[in-house]
Amino acid sequence: MQKNLTYTQRLNMNNKEFISLLSERTGYDQKATQKLVNNIVTAMSDAFVMDNSVIVPNFGVFETKKKMERVIVNPSSGQRMLVPPKLVLTFKPNQTWKDKLKGGR
């Protein structure tokens, strides 16, 4: 991957590249940036475990939703199976992001 691409031009980044670019943009060293990201992820994880939503202003809302149990049918065997209820993490983007994605920008 080219090193001279800006943050917004990158399509796929691994954790090391993300931390490096984030540290450049914030002015913090990479170790402090990694600690900050880890703390944010931990705080968000704790909120999800307690069934709370996480609202990121001007970005969107992360929340857990409960999927009810349901019966599915295996198409090849015709066997019916019960899928137990589970919690899933969802993201609802801010209207600004929705408009940007619709516009292709």
N, C-alpha and C. Protein backbone atom coordinates (compact mmCIF):
# COMPACT_ATOMS: atom_id res chain seq x y z
N MET A 1 0.85 -1.17 0.00
CA MET A 1 0.00 0.00 0.00
C MET A 1 0.89 1.24 0.00
N GLN A 2 0.49 2.23 -0.77
CA GLN A 2 1.30 3.44 -0.87
C GLN A 2 1.24 4.23 0.43
N LYS A 3 2.40 4.78 0.82
CA LYS A 3 2.48 5.53 2.07
C LYS A 3 1.98 6.96 1.94
N ASN A 4 1.90 7.51 0.72
CA ASN A 4 1.55 8.90 0.56
C ASN A 4 0.04 9.13 0.41
N LEU A 5 -0.77 8.12 0.57
CA LEU A 5 -2.21 8.30 0.51
C LEU A 5 -2.70 8.96 1.79
N THR A 6 -3.70 9.81 1.66
CA THR A 6 -4.27 10.45 2.85
C THR A 6 -5.25 9.49 3.52
N TYR A 7 -5.68 9.87 4.69
CA TYR A 7 -6.61 9.07 5.49
C TYR A 7 -7.87 8.73 4.70
N THR A 8 -8.43 9.71 4.00
CA THR A 8 -9.68 9.49 3.29
C THR A 8 -9.50 8.71 2.00
N GLN A 9 -8.27 8.61 1.49
CA GLN A 9 -8.04 7.87 0.25
C GLN A 9 -7.80 6.39 0.50
N ARG A 10 -7.56 5.99 1.73
CA ARG A 10 -7.32 4.59 2.05
C ARG A 10 -8.62 3.81 1.99
N LEU A 11 -8.61 2.66 1.36
CA LEU A 11 -9.81 1.84 1.31
C LEU A 11 -9.79 0.76 2.37
N ASN A 12 -8.67 0.10 2.55
CA ASN A 12 -8.54 -0.96 3.53
C ASN A 12 -7.31 -0.70 4.39
N MET A 13 -7.51 -0.73 5.69
CA MET A 13 -6.40 -0.50 6.61
C MET A 13 -6.40 -1.58 7.67
N ASN A 14 -5.21 -1.98 8.08
CA ASN A 14 -5.13 -2.84 9.25
C ASN A 14 -5.01 -1.94 10.48
N ASN A 15 -4.99 -2.54 11.66
CA ASN A 15 -4.96 -1.77 12.90
C ASN A 15 -3.73 -0.86 12.97
N LYS A 16 -2.58 -1.37 12.59
CA LYS A 16 -1.34 -0.58 12.68
C LYS A 16 -1.42 0.66 11.78
N GLU A 17 -1.93 0.50 10.57
CA GLU A 17 -2.06 1.63 9.65
C GLU A 17 -3.09 2.64 10.17
N PHE A 18 -4.19 2.14 10.72
CA PHE A 18 -5.22 3.02 11.26
C PHE A 18 -4.67 3.85 12.41
N ILE A 19 -3.96 3.20 13.34
CA ILE A 19 -3.39 3.91 14.49
C ILE A 19 -2.36 4.93 14.02
N SER A 20 -1.56 4.57 13.04
CA SER A 20 -0.54 5.47 12.51
C SER A 20 -1.19 6.73 11.92
N LEU A 21 -2.20 6.54 11.07
CA LEU A 21 -2.86 7.69 10.46
C LEU A 21 -3.63 8.52 11.48
N LEU A 22 -4.28 7.86 12.43
CA LEU A 22 -5.01 8.58 13.47
C LEU A 22 -4.05 9.39 14.35
N SER A 23 -2.89 8.83 14.65
CA SER A 23 -1.92 9.56 15.47
C SER A 23 -1.38 10.78 14.72
N GLU A 24 -1.21 10.66 13.41
CA GLU A 24 -0.77 11.80 12.60
C GLU A 24 -1.81 12.92 12.63
N ARG A 25 -3.08 12.54 12.53
CA ARG A 25 -4.15 13.53 12.49
C ARG A 25 -4.39 14.19 13.85
N THR A 26 -4.20 13.45 14.94
CA THR A 26 -4.47 14.00 16.26
C THR A 26 -3.26 14.66 16.91
N GLY A 27 -2.07 14.29 16.46
CA GLY A 27 -0.87 14.85 17.05
C GLY A 27 -0.36 14.07 18.25
N TYR A 28 -1.03 12.98 18.61
CA TYR A 28 -0.56 12.12 19.70
C TYR A 28 0.40 11.08 19.15
N ASP A 29 1.26 10.54 20.03
CA ASP A 29 2.13 9.46 19.57
C ASP A 29 1.29 8.19 19.40
N GLN A 30 1.88 7.20 18.71
CA GLN A 30 1.12 5.99 18.38
C GLN A 30 0.71 5.19 19.61
N LYS A 31 1.56 5.18 20.63
CA LYS A 31 1.23 4.43 21.84
C LYS A 31 0.01 5.04 22.53
N ALA A 32 -0.02 6.37 22.64
CA ALA A 32 -1.15 7.05 23.27
C ALA A 32 -2.42 6.88 22.43
N THR A 33 -2.27 6.93 21.11
CA THR A 33 -3.40 6.75 20.21
C THR A 33 -3.98 5.35 20.34
N GLN A 34 -3.11 4.33 20.40
CA GLN A 34 -3.58 2.95 20.56
C GLN A 34 -4.33 2.78 21.88
N LYS A 35 -3.82 3.41 22.94
CA LYS A 35 -4.48 3.33 24.25
C LYS A 35 -5.85 4.00 24.19
N LEU A 36 -5.93 5.14 23.52
CA LEU A 36 -7.19 5.86 23.37
C LEU A 36 -8.21 5.01 22.62
N VAL A 37 -7.81 4.42 21.51
CA VAL A 37 -8.71 3.58 20.72
C VAL A 37 -9.17 2.38 21.55
N ASN A 38 -8.26 1.75 22.26
CA ASN A 38 -8.63 0.61 23.11
C ASN A 38 -9.63 1.01 24.18
N ASN A 39 -9.45 2.19 24.78
CA ASN A 39 -10.38 2.67 25.80
C ASN A 39 -11.76 2.95 25.22
N ILE A 40 -11.81 3.50 24.01
CA ILE A 40 -13.09 3.77 23.36
C ILE A 40 -13.81 2.46 23.06
N VAL A 41 -13.09 1.48 22.52
CA VAL A 41 -13.69 0.19 22.20
C VAL A 41 -14.19 -0.51 23.47
N THR A 42 -13.42 -0.44 24.54
CA THR A 42 -13.83 -1.04 25.80
C THR A 42 -15.09 -0.38 26.35
N ALA A 43 -15.13 0.95 26.31
CA ALA A 43 -16.30 1.68 26.80
C ALA A 43 -17.54 1.34 25.97
N MET A 44 -17.38 1.25 24.66
CA MET A 44 -18.50 0.89 23.80
C MET A 44 -18.95 -0.54 24.09
N SER A 45 -18.02 -1.45 24.26
CA SER A 45 -18.34 -2.85 24.56
C SER A 45 -19.12 -2.96 25.86
N ASP A 46 -18.68 -2.21 26.88
CA ASP A 46 -19.38 -2.21 28.17
C ASP A 46 -20.82 -1.71 28.01
N ALA A 47 -21.00 -0.68 27.19
CA ALA A 47 -22.34 -0.15 26.96
C ALA A 47 -23.22 -1.19 26.26
N PHE A 48 -22.66 -1.91 25.30
CA PHE A 48 -23.45 -2.92 24.59
C PHE A 48 -23.83 -4.06 25.51
N VAL A 49 -22.92 -4.46 26.39
CA VAL A 49 -23.21 -5.54 27.34
C VAL A 49 -24.35 -5.14 28.27
N MET A 50 -24.42 -3.86 28.63
CA MET A 50 -25.49 -3.37 29.51
C MET A 50 -26.74 -2.99 28.71
N ASP A 51 -26.76 -3.34 27.42
CA ASP A 51 -27.90 -3.09 26.53
C ASP A 51 -28.17 -1.60 26.34
N ASN A 52 -27.12 -0.80 26.32
CA ASN A 52 -27.24 0.64 26.07
C ASN A 52 -26.80 0.95 24.64
N SER A 53 -27.37 1.99 24.06
CA SER A 53 -26.95 2.46 22.76
C SER A 53 -25.76 3.40 22.91
N VAL A 54 -24.96 3.50 21.86
CA VAL A 54 -23.84 4.45 21.84
C VAL A 54 -24.10 5.40 20.68
N ILE A 55 -24.28 6.66 21.02
CA ILE A 55 -24.54 7.69 20.01
C ILE A 55 -23.25 8.45 19.76
N VAL A 56 -22.81 8.47 18.50
CA VAL A 56 -21.63 9.23 18.11
C VAL A 56 -22.15 10.42 17.30
N PRO A 57 -22.08 11.64 17.88
CA PRO A 57 -22.62 12.80 17.19
C PRO A 57 -22.05 12.96 15.78
N ASN A 58 -22.90 13.33 14.86
CA ASN A 58 -22.54 13.54 13.45
C ASN A 58 -22.03 12.28 12.77
N PHE A 59 -22.28 11.12 13.35
CA PHE A 59 -21.85 9.86 12.74
C PHE A 59 -22.98 8.86 12.71
N GLY A 60 -23.51 8.49 13.90
CA GLY A 60 -24.61 7.53 13.93
C GLY A 60 -24.80 6.92 15.29
N VAL A 61 -25.62 5.87 15.33
CA VAL A 61 -25.97 5.20 16.58
C VAL A 61 -25.66 3.71 16.47
N PHE A 62 -24.93 3.20 17.45
CA PHE A 62 -24.68 1.77 17.58
C PHE A 62 -25.61 1.27 18.67
N GLU A 63 -26.32 0.17 18.40
CA GLU A 63 -27.20 -0.37 19.43
C GLU A 63 -27.34 -1.88 19.26
N THR A 64 -27.72 -2.52 20.36
CA THR A 64 -27.98 -3.95 20.32
C THR A 64 -29.47 -4.16 20.15
N LYS A 65 -29.80 -5.16 19.35
CA LYS A 65 -31.20 -5.52 19.15
C LYS A 65 -31.33 -7.02 19.36
N LYS A 66 -32.46 -7.41 19.89
CA LYS A 66 -32.70 -8.83 20.12
C LYS A 66 -33.46 -9.41 18.93
N LYS A 67 -32.89 -10.46 18.34
CA LYS A 67 -33.58 -11.19 17.28
C LYS A 67 -34.34 -12.33 17.96
N MET A 68 -35.58 -12.42 17.69
CA MET A 68 -36.42 -13.43 18.31
C MET A 68 -36.09 -14.82 17.76
N GLU A 69 -36.46 -15.85 18.50
CA GLU A 69 -36.24 -17.19 18.00
C GLU A 69 -37.14 -17.43 16.80
N ARG A 70 -36.67 -18.27 15.90
CA ARG A 70 -37.44 -18.52 14.69
C ARG A 70 -37.17 -19.93 14.19
N VAL A 71 -38.04 -20.38 13.33
CA VAL A 71 -37.90 -21.71 12.74
C VAL A 71 -37.40 -21.52 11.31
N ILE A 72 -36.35 -22.25 10.96
CA ILE A 72 -35.84 -22.22 9.59
C ILE A 72 -35.98 -23.62 9.01
N VAL A 73 -35.98 -23.70 7.69
CA VAL A 73 -36.10 -24.98 7.01
C VAL A 73 -34.88 -25.15 6.12
N ASN A 74 -34.19 -26.30 6.29
CA ASN A 74 -33.06 -26.63 5.43
C ASN A 74 -33.62 -26.96 4.05
N PRO A 75 -33.24 -26.20 3.00
CA PRO A 75 -33.85 -26.40 1.69
C PRO A 75 -33.53 -27.78 1.06
N SER A 76 -32.39 -28.33 1.38
CA SER A 76 -32.04 -29.62 0.75
C SER A 76 -32.69 -30.80 1.44
N SER A 77 -32.81 -30.77 2.77
CA SER A 77 -33.38 -31.91 3.50
C SER A 77 -34.82 -31.68 3.94
N GLY A 78 -35.26 -30.43 3.95
CA GLY A 78 -36.60 -30.12 4.41
C GLY A 78 -36.72 -30.15 5.92
N GLN A 79 -35.61 -30.36 6.62
CA GLN A 79 -35.62 -30.44 8.08
C GLN A 79 -35.85 -29.05 8.68
N ARG A 80 -36.75 -29.00 9.65
CA ARG A 80 -37.04 -27.74 10.35
C ARG A 80 -36.15 -27.65 11.58
N MET A 81 -35.61 -26.44 11.81
CA MET A 81 -34.73 -26.23 12.97
C MET A 81 -35.13 -24.95 13.68
N LEU A 82 -35.00 -24.97 14.99
CA LEU A 82 -35.30 -23.80 15.79
C LEU A 82 -34.01 -23.03 16.04
N VAL A 83 -33.99 -21.76 15.62
CA VAL A 83 -32.84 -20.90 15.86
C VAL A 83 -33.13 -20.11 17.13
N PRO A 84 -32.26 -20.21 18.14
CA PRO A 84 -32.53 -19.53 19.41
C PRO A 84 -32.42 -18.01 19.27
N PRO A 85 -33.02 -17.27 20.21
CA PRO A 85 -32.90 -15.81 20.16
C PRO A 85 -31.45 -15.38 20.39
N LYS A 86 -31.09 -14.23 19.83
CA LYS A 86 -29.73 -13.73 20.03
C LYS A 86 -29.72 -12.21 19.93
N LEU A 87 -28.66 -11.64 20.47
CA LEU A 87 -28.46 -10.20 20.38
C LEU A 87 -27.54 -9.90 19.21
N VAL A 88 -27.87 -8.88 18.44
CA VAL A 88 -27.03 -8.47 17.32
C VAL A 88 -26.71 -6.98 17.47
N LEU A 89 -25.56 -6.60 17.02
CA LEU A 89 -25.14 -5.20 17.05
C LEU A 89 -25.53 -4.55 15.73
N THR A 90 -26.21 -3.42 15.81
CA THR A 90 -26.63 -2.71 14.60
C THR A 90 -26.05 -1.30 14.61
N PHE A 91 -25.98 -0.71 13.42
CA PHE A 91 -25.51 0.66 13.27
C PHE A 91 -26.48 1.40 12.38
N LYS A 92 -26.91 2.56 12.84
CA LYS A 92 -27.78 3.42 12.05
C LYS A 92 -27.01 4.72 11.80
N PRO A 93 -26.62 4.96 10.54
CA PRO A 93 -25.83 6.16 10.27
C PRO A 93 -26.67 7.44 10.38
N ASN A 94 -25.97 8.53 10.64
CA ASN A 94 -26.56 9.86 10.68
C ASN A 94 -27.13 10.19 9.30
N GLN A 95 -28.15 11.02 9.25
CA GLN A 95 -28.78 11.37 7.97
C GLN A 95 -27.78 11.98 6.99
N THR A 96 -26.81 12.72 7.48
CA THR A 96 -25.78 13.31 6.61
C THR A 96 -25.01 12.23 5.87
N TRP A 97 -24.66 11.16 6.58
CA TRP A 97 -23.93 10.05 5.95
C TRP A 97 -24.81 9.33 4.93
N LYS A 98 -26.09 9.16 5.27
CA LYS A 98 -27.01 8.53 4.33
C LYS A 98 -27.08 9.33 3.03
N ASP A 99 -27.17 10.65 3.16
CA ASP A 99 -27.24 11.52 1.98
C ASP A 99 -25.96 11.44 1.17
N LYS A 100 -24.80 11.38 1.84
CA LYS A 100 -23.53 11.28 1.13
C LYS A 100 -23.45 9.97 0.37
N LEU A 101 -23.90 8.89 0.99
CA LEU A 101 -23.84 7.59 0.32
C LEU A 101 -24.79 7.51 -0.86
N LYS A 102 -25.97 8.13 -0.74
CA LYS A 102 -26.92 8.16 -1.85
C LYS A 102 -26.35 8.96 -3.02
N GLY A 103 -25.63 10.04 -2.68
CA GLY A 103 -25.06 10.90 -3.71
C GLY A 103 -23.81 10.34 -4.34
N GLY A 104 -23.23 9.30 -3.74
CA GLY A 104 -22.03 8.68 -4.29
C GLY A 104 -20.76 9.46 -4.03
N ARG A 105 -20.78 10.32 -3.01
CA ARG A 105 -19.59 11.12 -2.72
C ARG A 105 -18.84 10.54 -1.56
